[in-house]
C-alpha atoms as a PDB file:
ATOM      1  CA  MET A   1     105.472  89.783  76.409  1.00  0.00           C
ATOM      2  CA  TYR A   2     107.418  89.637  79.694  1.00  0.00           C
ATOM      3  CA  ARG A   3     106.750  93.340  80.378  1.00  0.00           C
ATOM      4  CA  GLN A   4     103.024  92.750  79.797  1.00  0.00           C
ATOM      5  CA  MET A   5     103.069  89.852  82.254  1.00  0.00           C
ATOM      6  CA  ILE A   6     104.604  92.141  84.896  1.00  0.00           C
ATOM      7  CA  GLU A   7     102.048  94.868  84.178  1.00  0.00           C
ATOM      8  CA  ASN A   8      99.202  92.350  84.433  1.00  0.00           C
ATOM      9  CA  GLU A   9     100.478  91.095  87.795  1.00  0.00           C
ATOM     10  CA  ILE A  10     100.785  94.647  89.144  1.00  0.00           C
ATOM     11  CA  ALA A  11      97.189  95.315  88.001  1.00  0.00           C
ATOM     12  CA  ARG A  12      96.028  92.079  89.688  1.00  0.00           C
ATOM     13  CA  ILE A  13      97.649  93.098  92.984  1.00  0.00           C
ATOM     14  CA  GLU A  14      96.096  96.556  92.720  1.00  0.00           C
ATOM     15  CA  ALA A  15      92.642  95.045  92.175  1.00  0.00           C
ATOM     16  CA  ALA A  16      93.117  92.623  95.081  1.00  0.00           C
ATOM     17  CA  HIS A  17      93.738  95.591  97.389  1.00  0.00           C
ATOM     18  CA  ASN A  18      90.721  97.711  96.439  1.00  0.00           C
ATOM     19  CA  GLY A  19      92.587  99.872  93.928  1.00  0.00           C
ATOM     20  CA  VAL A  20      95.436 100.871  96.261  1.00  0.00           C
ATOM     21  CA  LEU A  21      98.824  99.518  95.250  1.00  0.00           C
ATOM     22  CA  ARG A  22     101.319  99.404  98.109  1.00  0.00           C
ATOM     23  CA  PRO A  23     104.923  98.351  97.538  1.00  0.00           C
ATOM     24  CA  GLU A  24     104.737  96.118 100.620  1.00  0.00           C
ATOM     25  CA  ASP A  25     101.821  94.199  99.066  1.00  0.00           C
ATOM     26  CA  VAL A  26     103.823  93.721  95.866  1.00  0.00           C
ATOM     27  CA  VAL A  27     106.714  92.263  97.879  1.00  0.00           C
ATOM     28  CA  VAL A  28     104.383  89.878  99.754  1.00  0.00           C
ATOM     29  CA  GLU A  29     102.844  88.628  96.500  1.00  0.00           C
ATOM     30  CA  ALA A  30     106.220  88.361  94.754  1.00  0.00           C
ATOM     31  CA  ALA A  31     107.668  86.235  97.570  1.00  0.00           C
ATOM     32  CA  ASP A  32     105.921  83.233  96.032  1.00  0.00           C
ATOM     33  CA  PRO A  33     108.444  81.661  93.625  1.00  0.00           C
ATOM     34  CA  ALA A  34     105.581  80.974  91.184  1.00  0.00           C
ATOM     35  CA  ASN A  35     104.673  84.675  91.007  1.00  0.00           C
ATOM     36  CA  PRO A  36     105.718  86.426  87.764  1.00  0.00           C
ATOM     37  CA  LEU A  37     107.368  89.211  89.785  1.00  0.00           C
ATOM     38  CA  HIS A  38     109.500  86.867  91.907  1.00  0.00           C
ATOM     39  CA  GLU A  39     112.601  87.100  89.701  1.00  0.00           C
ATOM     40  CA  GLU A  40     112.489  90.918  89.811  1.00  0.00           C
ATOM     41  CA  PHE A  41     113.555  90.848  93.470  1.00  0.00           C
ATOM     42  CA  GLU A  42     116.708  89.965  95.380  1.00  0.00           C
ATOM     43  CA  TRP A  43     115.604  87.399  97.976  1.00  0.00           C
ATOM     44  CA  ASP A  44     118.986  86.707  99.580  1.00  0.00           C
ATOM     45  CA  ASP A  45     118.870  88.576 102.920  1.00  0.00           C
ATOM     46  CA  ALA A  46     122.670  88.628 103.013  1.00  0.00           C
ATOM     47  CA  ILE A  47     122.519  90.918  99.957  1.00  0.00           C
ATOM     48  CA  ALA A  48     119.238  92.766 100.388  1.00  0.00           C
ATOM     49  CA  GLY A  49     116.798  93.010 103.249  1.00  0.00           C
ATOM     50  CA  PRO A  50     113.060  93.679 103.370  1.00  0.00           C
ATOM     51  CA  LEU A  51     113.403  97.463 102.977  1.00  0.00           C
ATOM     52  CA  TRP A  52     115.438  97.003  99.804  1.00  0.00           C
ATOM     53  CA  ARG A  53     112.713  94.755  98.389  1.00  0.00           C
ATOM     54  CA  VAL A  54     110.098  97.462  99.117  1.00  0.00           C
ATOM     55  CA  ASP A  55     112.284  99.896  97.164  1.00  0.00           C
ATOM     56  CA  GLN A  56     112.525  97.361  94.337  1.00  0.00           C
ATOM     57  CA  ALA A  57     108.710  97.132  94.338  1.00  0.00           C
ATOM     58  CA  ARG A  58     108.449 100.930  94.053  1.00  0.00           C
ATOM     59  CA  ARG A  59     110.717 100.874  91.000  1.00  0.00           C
ATOM     60  CA  ILE A  60     108.636  98.130  89.376  1.00  0.00           C
ATOM     61  CA  ILE A  61     105.399 100.048  90.014  1.00  0.00           C
ATOM     62  CA  ARG A  62     106.836 103.319  88.657  1.00  0.00           C
ATOM     63  CA  ALA A  63     108.071 101.544  85.513  1.00  0.00           C
ATOM     64  CA  VAL A  64     104.524 100.632  84.409  1.00  0.00           C
ATOM     65  CA  GLN A  65     103.502 103.113  81.718  1.00  0.00           C
ATOM     66  CA  LEU A  66     100.443 103.867  79.602  1.00  0.00           C
ATOM     67  CA  ASN A  67     100.547 105.157  76.045  1.00  0.00           C
ATOM     68  CA  VAL A  68      98.119 108.071  75.744  1.00  0.00           C
ATOM     69  CA  THR A  69      97.339 109.824  72.477  1.00  0.00           C
ATOM     70  CA  VAL A  70      96.438 113.526  72.614  1.00  0.00           C
ATOM     71  CA  HIS A  71      95.985 115.523  69.407  1.00  0.00           C
ATOM     72  CA  ASP A  72      97.654 112.780  67.329  1.00  0.00           C
ATOM     73  CA  VAL A  73     100.699 112.723  69.631  1.00  0.00           C
ATOM     74  CA  THR A  74     101.344 109.628  71.731  1.00  0.00           C
ATOM     75  CA  ILE A  75     103.032 110.138  75.085  1.00  0.00           C
ATOM     76  CA  GLN A  76     103.974 107.743  77.856  1.00  0.00           C
ATOM     77  CA  VAL A  77     102.266 108.399  81.179  1.00  0.00           C
ATOM     78  CA  PRO A  78     102.874 106.637  84.490  1.00  0.00           C
ATOM     79  CA  LYS A  79     100.058 104.158  85.087  1.00  0.00           C
ATOM     80  CA  TYR A  80     100.349 104.590  88.858  1.00  0.00           C
ATOM     81  CA  LEU A  81     100.808 107.750  90.925  1.00  0.00           C
ATOM     82  CA  HIS A  82     101.115 108.274  94.653  1.00  0.00           C
ATOM     83  CA  ASP A  83      97.592 108.054  96.091  1.00  0.00           C
ATOM     84  CA  PRO A  84      96.827 111.524  97.473  1.00  0.00           C
ATOM     85  CA  ALA A  85      93.973 110.094  99.576  1.00  0.00           C
ATOM     86  CA  LEU A  86      96.367 108.170 101.809  1.00  0.00           C
ATOM     87  CA  PRO A  87      97.386 109.656 105.164  1.00  0.00           C
ATOM     88  CA  TRP A  88     100.644 111.620 105.227  1.00  0.00           C
ATOM     89  CA  GLY A  89     103.633 109.288 105.301  1.00  0.00           C
ATOM     90  CA  GLU A  90     101.731 106.234 104.075  1.00  0.00           C
ATOM     91  CA  GLN A  91     103.065 104.783 100.833  1.00  0.00           C
ATOM     92  CA  GLY A  92     100.639 103.651  98.148  1.00  0.00           C
ATOM     93  CA  TYR A  93      99.781 104.159  94.513  1.00  0.00           C
ATOM     94  CA  VAL A  94      96.575 104.524  92.539  1.00  0.00           C
ATOM     95  CA  ALA A  95      95.954 104.034  88.818  1.00  0.00           C
ATOM     96  CA  THR A  96      95.769 107.238  86.807  1.00  0.00           C
ATOM     97  CA  VAL A  97      92.562 105.962  85.173  1.00  0.00           C
ATOM     98  CA  THR A  98      91.020 105.799  88.652  1.00  0.00           C
ATOM     99  CA  LEU A  99      92.081 109.368  89.390  1.00  0.00           C
ATOM    100  CA  ARG A 100      90.352 110.593  86.198  1.00  0.00           C
ATOM    101  CA  THR A 101      86.984 109.858  87.789  1.00  0.00           C
ATOM    102  CA  ASP A 102      87.726 111.685  91.057  1.00  0.00           C
ATOM    103  CA  ALA A 103      88.185 115.435  90.619  1.00  0.00           C
ATOM    104  CA  GLU A 104      89.456 116.045  94.154  1.00  0.00           C
ATOM    105  CA  ARG A 105      92.049 113.273  94.108  1.00  0.00           C
ATOM    106  CA  SER A 106      93.154 114.080  90.561  1.00  0.00           C
ATOM    107  CA  ALA A 107      93.638 117.755  91.497  1.00  0.00           C
ATOM    108  CA  ALA A 108      95.689 116.696  94.524  1.00  0.00           C
ATOM    109  CA  ALA A 109      97.796 114.298  92.425  1.00  0.00           C
ATOM    110  CA  LEU A 110      98.452 116.987  89.832  1.00  0.00           C
ATOM    111  CA  ALA A 111      99.392 119.465  92.579  1.00  0.00           C
ATOM    112  CA  CYS A 112     101.970 116.947  93.824  1.00  0.00           C
ATOM    113  CA  GLU A 113     103.431 116.629  90.322  1.00  0.00           C
ATOM    114  CA  VAL A 114     103.610 120.416  89.910  1.00  0.00           C
ATOM    115  CA  GLU A 115     105.320 120.649  93.308  1.00  0.00           C
ATOM    116  CA  ARG A 116     107.932 118.141  92.113  1.00  0.00           C
ATOM    117  CA  VAL A 117     108.572 120.359  89.076  1.00  0.00           C
ATOM    118  CA  ARG A 118     108.877 123.423  91.329  1.00  0.00           C
ATOM    119  CA  GLN A 119     111.369 121.653  93.596  1.00  0.00           C
ATOM    120  CA  SER A 120     113.438 120.503  90.608  1.00  0.00           C
ATOM    121  CA  ALA A 121     113.447 124.029  89.149  1.00  0.00           C
ATOM    122  CA  THR A 122     114.519 125.466  92.511  1.00  0.00           C
ATOM    123  CA  ARG A 123     117.357 122.953  92.708  1.00  0.00           C
ATOM    124  CA  ALA A 124     118.432 123.711  89.120  1.00  0.00           C
ATOM    125  CA  ARG A 125     118.404 127.448  89.859  1.00  0.00           C
ATOM    126  CA  ALA A 126     120.568 126.974  92.961  1.00  0.00           C
ATOM    127  CA  ILE A 127     123.058 124.814  91.052  1.00  0.00           C
ATOM    128  CA  ALA A 128     123.141 127.345  88.189  1.00  0.00           C
ATOM    129  CA  VAL A 129     123.918 130.166  90.610  1.00  0.00           C
ATOM    130  CA  GLU A 130     126.712 128.130  92.217  1.00  0.00           C
ATOM    131  CA  LEU A 131     128.168 127.311  88.770  1.00  0.00           C
ATOM    132  CA  ASP A 132     127.880 130.971  87.707  1.00  0.00           C
ATOM    133  CA  TRP A 133     125.156 130.232  85.143  1.00  0.00           C
ATOM    134  CA  GLY A 134     122.444 132.115  87.034  1.00  0.00           C
ATOM    135  CA  ALA A 135     121.710 134.515  84.172  1.00  0.00           C
ATOM    136  CA  GLN A 136     120.967 131.650  81.756  1.00  0.00           C
ATOM    137  CA  ILE A 137     118.885 129.383  83.973  1.00  0.00           C
ATOM    138  CA  GLN A 138     115.572 131.209  83.561  1.00  0.00           C
ATOM    139  CA  THR A 139     115.731 130.816  79.771  1.00  0.00           C
ATOM    140  CA  GLN A 140     116.703 127.160  80.064  1.00  0.00           C
ATOM    141  CA  LEU A 141     113.901 126.372  82.507  1.00  0.00           C
ATOM    142  CA  LEU A 142     111.300 128.117  80.363  1.00  0.00           C
ATOM    143  CA  SER A 143     112.608 126.311  77.302  1.00  0.00           C
ATOM    144  CA  ALA A 144     112.418 122.962  79.116  1.00  0.00           C
ATOM    145  CA  ILE A 145     108.746 123.330  80.015  1.00  0.00           C
ATOM    146  CA  GLY A 146     107.726 125.596  77.155  1.00  0.00           C
ATOM    147  CA  GLY A 147     107.389 122.719  74.713  1.00  0.00           C
ATOM    148  CA  VAL A 148     104.917 120.895  76.949  1.00  0.00           C
ATOM    149  CA  THR A 149     101.396 121.295  75.609  1.00  0.00           C
ATOM    150  CA  VAL A 150      98.180 119.404  76.147  1.00  0.00           C
END
């Protein structure tokens, strides 16, 4: 029930900002003690400042998930992804259901996700080489992504 209340508030903020969800907007809305998100933040500036609260907002946004069923298998999918339409360096999220209706933006969002996988695989390979596991890493990486089907 509480999780649903948080998800509803995040969706309300997204709608109020024309479908773009910025962590800074979440912080501004949550500053109101009556807002359902208020208790999710540290408001004591002696402990956490404004930048920390923006980071807290990012974590709240990324925690919102959708359950999607594909071929009788239900998977959890992030409800919000970085909005690829925003200028470089600008932080903001867009709902995955919104991206489904925009081929260009959805392709860009997927390319970002694939790039994250590539960067993680590169890091894993470098660590494996340093730990003298270089010969095994290729098999492990293929095994890790091999079970992913759509």
